[in-house]
Amino acid sequence: MSKAFTRETDSSDDLDDLEGASPIPPGAKNYMTPHGWRRMRDELSHLVKVERPEVTSIVSWAASNGDRSENGDYQYGKKRLREIDRRIRYLTKRLENAEVVDPATREETDQVFFAATVTYANSAGEELTVRIVGIDETDHARGHISWISPVARALIKAREGDSVALVTPGGREEIDILEVRYEEIPMDPFVPASSAWRPNAG
């Protein structure tokens, strides 16, 4: 990895703060599903092979246009490069520390572990289904919750049919585990955001 993508002062906690992600608990592995690992790998590849070279080329062009202090394309380009490099460092660190767990290959069990899909009933009798995934894979709209979230912590190691205590800001409640299953997560490929900006050539 190029030195441009690393800084001696960066720690994993610093990168977590920069990306707004939850830090990995000290001493814990960075658990990920194959789906989450592939998405992060594809994003890293896109940044390194496509977006960074494009932005670098634009910055070089803008730098050749004279006074850099008043050159908006140059200033924005340098800012975007810093953002890209920060994201590259973050993704690289997360992938280096990844422990990939495939739910589709786990032996059949009714106990809740990482990557389980769990249906439970809350104290109001509502049935909810969640899938326990990596810290960087959280998607509440799809019921994907981080393994360090309060709900996941309450569920992990319990079994189908158990009642467990969930502590929430509103207080403590009992939730009943109705079903535990392990299934392949459908692949949702990484789709790059809109392409890098284009300079004001006029």
C-alpha atoms as a PDB file:
ATOM      1  CA  MET A   1       0.000   0.000   0.000  1.00  0.00           C
ATOM      2  CA  SER A   2       1.363   3.416  -0.950  1.00  0.00           C
ATOM      3  CA  LYS A   3       2.533   5.696   1.849  1.00  0.00           C
ATOM      4  CA  ALA A   4       0.019   8.193   0.482  1.00  0.00           C
ATOM      5  CA  PHE A   5      -2.685   6.015   2.015  1.00  0.00           C
ATOM      6  CA  THR A   6      -1.165   5.726   5.487  1.00  0.00           C
ATOM      7  CA  ARG A   7      -0.227   7.975   8.353  1.00  0.00           C
ATOM      8  CA  GLU A   8       1.835   6.945  11.315  1.00  0.00           C
ATOM      9  CA  THR A   9      -0.504   8.794  13.663  1.00  0.00           C
ATOM     10  CA  ASP A  10      -3.665   7.008  12.505  1.00  0.00           C
ATOM     11  CA  SER A  11      -5.075   4.513  14.969  1.00  0.00           C
ATOM     12  CA  SER A  12      -8.137   2.337  14.389  1.00  0.00           C
ATOM     13  CA  ASP A  13     -10.066   4.526  16.833  1.00  0.00           C
ATOM     14  CA  ASP A  14      -9.073   7.663  14.873  1.00  0.00           C
ATOM     15  CA  LEU A  15     -10.351   6.066  11.675  1.00  0.00           C
ATOM     16  CA  ASP A  16     -13.575   5.004  13.367  1.00  0.00           C
ATOM     17  CA  ASP A  17     -14.129   8.583  14.496  1.00  0.00           C
ATOM     18  CA  LEU A  18     -13.384   9.960  11.040  1.00  0.00           C
ATOM     19  CA  GLU A  19     -15.840   7.618   9.352  1.00  0.00           C
ATOM     20  CA  GLY A  20     -18.531   8.010  12.000  1.00  0.00           C
ATOM     21  CA  ALA A  21     -18.623   4.252  12.572  1.00  0.00           C
ATOM     22  CA  SER A  22     -18.868   2.404  15.836  1.00  0.00           C
ATOM     23  CA  PRO A  23     -15.434   1.305  17.026  1.00  0.00           C
ATOM     24  CA  ILE A  24     -14.669  -2.386  17.276  1.00  0.00           C
ATOM     25  CA  PRO A  25     -14.579  -3.378  20.967  1.00  0.00           C
ATOM     26  CA  PRO A  26     -10.998  -3.761  22.257  1.00  0.00           C
ATOM     27  CA  GLY A  27      -9.681  -7.256  21.660  1.00  0.00           C
ATOM     28  CA  ALA A  28     -12.629  -8.239  19.454  1.00  0.00           C
ATOM     29  CA  LYS A  29     -12.472  -9.381  15.853  1.00  0.00           C
ATOM     30  CA  ASN A  30     -14.079  -7.360  13.078  1.00  0.00           C
ATOM     31  CA  TYR A  31     -16.818  -9.843  12.198  1.00  0.00           C
ATOM     32  CA  MET A  32     -18.291  -9.503   8.715  1.00  0.00           C
ATOM     33  CA  THR A  33     -20.567 -11.477   6.444  1.00  0.00           C
ATOM     34  CA  PRO A  34     -19.252 -12.407   2.964  1.00  0.00           C
ATOM     35  CA  HIS A  35     -21.722  -9.859   1.566  1.00  0.00           C
ATOM     36  CA  GLY A  36     -20.284  -7.044   3.696  1.00  0.00           C
ATOM     37  CA  TRP A  37     -16.691  -8.036   2.933  1.00  0.00           C
ATOM     38  CA  ARG A  38     -17.304  -8.037  -0.819  1.00  0.00           C
ATOM     39  CA  ARG A  39     -18.988  -4.655  -0.754  1.00  0.00           C
ATOM     40  CA  MET A  40     -16.085  -3.089   1.162  1.00  0.00           C
ATOM     41  CA  ARG A  41     -13.531  -4.770  -1.097  1.00  0.00           C
ATOM     42  CA  ASP A  42     -15.343  -3.521  -4.218  1.00  0.00           C
ATOM     43  CA  GLU A  43     -15.559   0.018  -2.842  1.00  0.00           C
ATOM     44  CA  LEU A  44     -11.837   0.008  -2.020  1.00  0.00           C
ATOM     45  CA  SER A  45     -10.998  -1.271  -5.502  1.00  0.00           C
ATOM     46  CA  HIS A  46     -13.155   1.431  -7.105  1.00  0.00           C
ATOM     47  CA  LEU A  47     -11.516   4.187  -5.060  1.00  0.00           C
ATOM     48  CA  VAL A  48      -7.966   3.008  -5.773  1.00  0.00           C
ATOM     49  CA  LYS A  49      -8.354   2.063  -9.444  1.00  0.00           C
ATOM     50  CA  VAL A  50     -10.970   4.523 -10.700  1.00  0.00           C
ATOM     51  CA  GLU A  51     -11.867   7.517  -8.565  1.00  0.00           C
ATOM     52  CA  ARG A  52      -8.473   8.431  -7.121  1.00  0.00           C
ATOM     53  CA  PRO A  53      -6.685   8.386 -10.510  1.00  0.00           C
ATOM     54  CA  GLU A  54      -9.495  10.510 -12.007  1.00  0.00           C
ATOM     55  CA  VAL A  55      -9.311  13.112  -9.241  1.00  0.00           C
ATOM     56  CA  THR A  56      -5.493  13.123  -9.301  1.00  0.00           C
ATOM     57  CA  SER A  57      -5.596  13.830 -13.020  1.00  0.00           C
ATOM     58  CA  ILE A  58      -8.017  16.721 -12.529  1.00  0.00           C
ATOM     59  CA  VAL A  59      -5.907  18.188  -9.713  1.00  0.00           C
ATOM     60  CA  SER A  60      -2.801  18.035 -11.931  1.00  0.00           C
ATOM     61  CA  TRP A  61      -4.691  19.792 -14.726  1.00  0.00           C
ATOM     62  CA  ALA A  62      -6.019  22.448 -12.334  1.00  0.00           C
ATOM     63  CA  ALA A  63      -2.550  23.025 -10.861  1.00  0.00           C
ATOM     64  CA  SER A  64      -1.231  23.868 -14.307  1.00  0.00           C
ATOM     65  CA  ASN A  65      -3.756  26.695 -14.663  1.00  0.00           C
ATOM     66  CA  GLY A  66      -1.951  29.235 -12.508  1.00  0.00           C
ATOM     67  CA  ASP A  67      -2.643  30.693  -9.052  1.00  0.00           C
ATOM     68  CA  ARG A  68      -3.637  27.755  -6.881  1.00  0.00           C
ATOM     69  CA  SER A  69      -4.878  29.911  -4.012  1.00  0.00           C
ATOM     70  CA  GLU A  70      -7.798  31.148  -6.131  1.00  0.00           C
ATOM     71  CA  ASN A  71      -8.247  28.016  -8.203  1.00  0.00           C
ATOM     72  CA  GLY A  72     -11.515  26.398  -7.109  1.00  0.00           C
ATOM     73  CA  ASP A  73     -10.930  23.194  -9.077  1.00  0.00           C
ATOM     74  CA  TYR A  74      -7.522  22.737  -7.474  1.00  0.00           C
ATOM     75  CA  GLN A  75      -8.780  23.468  -3.952  1.00  0.00           C
ATOM     76  CA  TYR A  76     -11.793  21.190  -4.255  1.00  0.00           C
ATOM     77  CA  GLY A  77      -9.704  18.481  -5.890  1.00  0.00           C
ATOM     78  CA  LYS A  78      -7.176  18.464  -3.046  1.00  0.00           C
ATOM     79  CA  LYS A  79     -10.035  18.290  -0.523  1.00  0.00           C
ATOM     80  CA  ARG A  80     -11.610  15.379  -2.393  1.00  0.00           C
ATOM     81  CA  LEU A  81      -8.270  13.561  -2.530  1.00  0.00           C
ATOM     82  CA  ARG A  82      -7.953  13.851   1.259  1.00  0.00           C
ATOM     83  CA  GLU A  83     -11.462  12.404   1.647  1.00  0.00           C
ATOM     84  CA  ILE A  84     -10.677   9.522  -0.715  1.00  0.00           C
ATOM     85  CA  ASP A  85      -7.380   8.730   1.024  1.00  0.00           C
ATOM     86  CA  ARG A  86      -9.082   8.767   4.420  1.00  0.00           C
ATOM     87  CA  ARG A  87     -11.733   6.351   3.162  1.00  0.00           C
ATOM     88  CA  ILE A  88      -9.074   4.118   1.603  1.00  0.00           C
ATOM     89  CA  ARG A  89      -7.211   3.949   4.925  1.00  0.00           C
ATOM     90  CA  TYR A  90     -10.440   3.131   6.739  1.00  0.00           C
ATOM     91  CA  LEU A  91     -11.510   0.376   4.332  1.00  0.00           C
ATOM     92  CA  THR A  92      -8.019  -1.118   4.253  1.00  0.00           C
ATOM     93  CA  LYS A  93      -7.876  -1.290   8.042  1.00  0.00           C
ATOM     94  CA  ARG A  94     -11.355  -2.814   8.326  1.00  0.00           C
ATOM     95  CA  LEU A  95     -10.622  -5.450   5.685  1.00  0.00           C
ATOM     96  CA  GLU A  96      -7.226  -6.325   7.159  1.00  0.00           C
ATOM     97  CA  ASN A  97      -8.897  -7.062  10.499  1.00  0.00           C
ATOM     98  CA  ALA A  98     -11.955  -8.804   9.061  1.00  0.00           C
ATOM     99  CA  GLU A  99     -13.164 -12.174  10.302  1.00  0.00           C
ATOM    100  CA  VAL A 100     -15.601 -13.362   7.632  1.00  0.00           C
ATOM    101  CA  VAL A 101     -18.444 -15.589   8.843  1.00  0.00           C
ATOM    102  CA  ASP A 102     -20.743 -17.178   6.276  1.00  0.00           C
ATOM    103  CA  PRO A 103     -24.182 -17.995   7.732  1.00  0.00           C
ATOM    104  CA  ALA A 104     -24.906 -20.371   4.860  1.00  0.00           C
ATOM    105  CA  THR A 105     -22.124 -22.738   5.948  1.00  0.00           C
ATOM    106  CA  ARG A 106     -22.876 -22.845   9.689  1.00  0.00           C
ATOM    107  CA  GLU A 107     -24.000 -26.164  11.104  1.00  0.00           C
ATOM    108  CA  GLU A 108     -27.692 -26.238  11.949  1.00  0.00           C
ATOM    109  CA  THR A 109     -28.378 -24.830  15.406  1.00  0.00           C
ATOM    110  CA  ASP A 110     -31.135 -22.969  17.219  1.00  0.00           C
ATOM    111  CA  GLN A 111     -28.626 -20.851  19.114  1.00  0.00           C
ATOM    112  CA  VAL A 112     -27.996 -17.224  18.172  1.00  0.00           C
ATOM    113  CA  PHE A 113     -24.537 -16.329  16.898  1.00  0.00           C
ATOM    114  CA  PHE A 114     -23.135 -13.768  14.474  1.00  0.00           C
ATOM    115  CA  ALA A 115     -24.961 -13.729  11.101  1.00  0.00           C
ATOM    116  CA  ALA A 116     -28.114 -15.335  12.511  1.00  0.00           C
ATOM    117  CA  THR A 117     -31.519 -14.200  11.320  1.00  0.00           C
ATOM    118  CA  VAL A 118     -33.746 -13.996  14.384  1.00  0.00           C
ATOM    119  CA  THR A 119     -37.482 -13.484  14.729  1.00  0.00           C
ATOM    120  CA  TYR A 120     -38.566 -12.344  18.179  1.00  0.00           C
ATOM    121  CA  ALA A 121     -41.598 -10.872  19.900  1.00  0.00           C
ATOM    122  CA  ASN A 122     -41.283  -7.749  21.991  1.00  0.00           C
ATOM    123  CA  SER A 123     -43.213  -6.935  25.149  1.00  0.00           C
ATOM    124  CA  ALA A 124     -46.056  -5.495  23.060  1.00  0.00           C
ATOM    125  CA  GLY A 125     -46.438  -8.780  21.196  1.00  0.00           C
ATOM    126  CA  GLU A 126     -45.034  -7.388  17.943  1.00  0.00           C
ATOM    127  CA  GLU A 127     -42.942  -9.808  15.885  1.00  0.00           C
ATOM    128  CA  LEU A 128     -39.680  -8.417  14.527  1.00  0.00           C
ATOM    129  CA  THR A 129     -37.009 -10.056  12.380  1.00  0.00           C
ATOM    130  CA  VAL A 130     -33.381  -8.960  12.462  1.00  0.00           C
ATOM    131  CA  ARG A 131     -30.160 -10.213  10.940  1.00  0.00           C
ATOM    132  CA  ILE A 132     -26.998  -9.815  13.025  1.00  0.00           C
ATOM    133  CA  VAL A 133     -24.228  -8.414  10.810  1.00  0.00           C
ATOM    134  CA  GLY A 134     -20.933  -6.536  10.957  1.00  0.00           C
ATOM    135  CA  ILE A 135     -20.488  -3.032  12.309  1.00  0.00           C
ATOM    136  CA  ASP A 136     -20.123  -1.599   8.784  1.00  0.00           C
ATOM    137  CA  GLU A 137     -23.116  -3.534   7.418  1.00  0.00           C
ATOM    138  CA  THR A 138     -25.873  -2.041   9.564  1.00  0.00           C
ATOM    139  CA  ASP A 139     -29.039  -1.235   7.610  1.00  0.00           C
ATOM    140  CA  HIS A 140     -32.034  -0.685   9.878  1.00  0.00           C
ATOM    141  CA  ALA A 141     -34.442  -0.431   6.940  1.00  0.00           C
ATOM    142  CA  ARG A 142     -33.609  -4.051   6.085  1.00  0.00           C
ATOM    143  CA  GLY A 143     -33.437  -5.254   9.679  1.00  0.00           C
ATOM    144  CA  HIS A 144     -29.650  -5.637   9.581  1.00  0.00           C
ATOM    145  CA  ILE A 145     -28.281  -4.805  13.042  1.00  0.00           C
ATOM    146  CA  SER A 146     -24.701  -4.618  14.265  1.00  0.00           C
ATOM    147  CA  TRP A 147     -23.484  -7.444  16.481  1.00  0.00           C
ATOM    148  CA  ILE A 148     -22.562  -4.833  19.120  1.00  0.00           C
ATOM    149  CA  SER A 149     -26.065  -3.296  19.189  1.00  0.00           C
ATOM    150  CA  PRO A 150     -28.165  -3.720  22.363  1.00  0.00           C
ATOM    151  CA  VAL A 151     -30.637  -6.049  20.616  1.00  0.00           C
ATOM    152  CA  ALA A 152     -27.879  -8.286  19.227  1.00  0.00           C
ATOM    153  CA  ARG A 153     -26.084  -8.401  22.574  1.00  0.00           C
ATOM    154  CA  ALA A 154     -29.321  -9.527  24.227  1.00  0.00           C
ATOM    155  CA  LEU A 155     -29.913 -12.219  21.605  1.00  0.00           C
ATOM    156  CA  ILE A 156     -26.443 -13.704  21.123  1.00  0.00           C
ATOM    157  CA  LYS A 157     -25.945 -17.145  22.706  1.00  0.00           C
ATOM    158  CA  ALA A 158     -29.647 -17.453  23.560  1.00  0.00           C
ATOM    159  CA  ARG A 159     -31.722 -20.163  21.907  1.00  0.00           C
ATOM    160  CA  GLU A 160     -35.010 -20.427  20.072  1.00  0.00           C
ATOM    161  CA  GLY A 161     -37.767 -20.431  22.703  1.00  0.00           C
ATOM    162  CA  ASP A 162     -35.740 -18.431  25.249  1.00  0.00           C
ATOM    163  CA  SER A 163     -36.837 -15.135  26.780  1.00  0.00           C
ATOM    164  CA  VAL A 164     -34.068 -12.575  27.234  1.00  0.00           C
ATOM    165  CA  ALA A 165     -33.820  -9.154  28.814  1.00  0.00           C
ATOM    166  CA  LEU A 166     -33.327  -6.165  26.546  1.00  0.00           C
ATOM    167  CA  VAL A 167     -32.216  -2.916  28.151  1.00  0.00           C
ATOM    168  CA  THR A 168     -33.345   0.151  26.201  1.00  0.00           C
ATOM    169  CA  PRO A 169     -33.384   3.891  26.955  1.00  0.00           C
ATOM    170  CA  GLY A 170     -37.056   3.377  27.830  1.00  0.00           C
ATOM    171  CA  GLY A 171     -36.252   0.694  30.385  1.00  0.00           C
ATOM    172  CA  ARG A 172     -35.944  -3.071  30.532  1.00  0.00           C
ATOM    173  CA  GLU A 173     -38.194  -5.443  28.608  1.00  0.00           C
ATOM    174  CA  GLU A 174     -38.411  -9.163  28.006  1.00  0.00           C
ATOM    175  CA  ILE A 175     -38.298 -10.391  24.419  1.00  0.00           C
ATOM    176  CA  ASP A 176     -39.158 -13.921  23.284  1.00  0.00           C
ATOM    177  CA  ILE A 177     -37.042 -15.637  20.633  1.00  0.00           C
ATOM    178  CA  LEU A 178     -39.406 -17.305  18.175  1.00  0.00           C
ATOM    179  CA  GLU A 179     -37.098 -18.503  15.406  1.00  0.00           C
ATOM    180  CA  VAL A 180     -33.370 -18.709  14.691  1.00  0.00           C
ATOM    181  CA  ARG A 181     -32.067 -19.502  11.237  1.00  0.00           C
ATOM    182  CA  TYR A 182     -28.902 -19.141   9.180  1.00  0.00           C
ATOM    183  CA  GLU A 183     -29.252 -18.344   5.512  1.00  0.00           C
ATOM    184  CA  GLU A 184     -27.231 -16.924   2.669  1.00  0.00           C
ATOM    185  CA  ILE A 185     -27.424 -13.145   2.418  1.00  0.00           C
ATOM    186  CA  PRO A 186     -28.424 -11.999  -1.101  1.00  0.00           C
ATOM    187  CA  MET A 187     -25.605 -10.113  -2.780  1.00  0.00           C
ATOM    188  CA  ASP A 188     -26.262  -6.387  -3.012  1.00  0.00           C
ATOM    189  CA  PRO A 189     -23.332  -5.165  -5.130  1.00  0.00           C
ATOM    190  CA  PHE A 190     -21.452  -1.966  -4.415  1.00  0.00           C
ATOM    191  CA  VAL A 191     -22.675   0.852  -6.650  1.00  0.00           C
ATOM    192  CA  PRO A 192     -20.389   3.897  -6.822  1.00  0.00           C
ATOM    193  CA  ALA A 193     -21.869   7.287  -6.091  1.00  0.00           C
ATOM    194  CA  SER A 194     -22.017   9.736  -8.975  1.00  0.00           C
ATOM    195  CA  SER A 195     -18.693   9.976 -10.736  1.00  0.00           C
ATOM    196  CA  ALA A 196     -15.973  12.380  -9.614  1.00  0.00           C
ATOM    197  CA  TRP A 197     -16.739  16.021 -10.251  1.00  0.00           C
ATOM    198  CA  ARG A 198     -15.634  17.606 -13.458  1.00  0.00           C
ATOM    199  CA  PRO A 199     -13.672  20.867 -13.452  1.00  0.00           C
ATOM    200  CA  ASN A 200     -14.867  24.180 -14.795  1.00  0.00           C
ATOM    201  CA  ALA A 201     -13.136  24.023 -18.119  1.00  0.00           C
ATOM    202  CA  GLY A 202     -14.730  27.218 -19.377  1.00  0.00           C
END
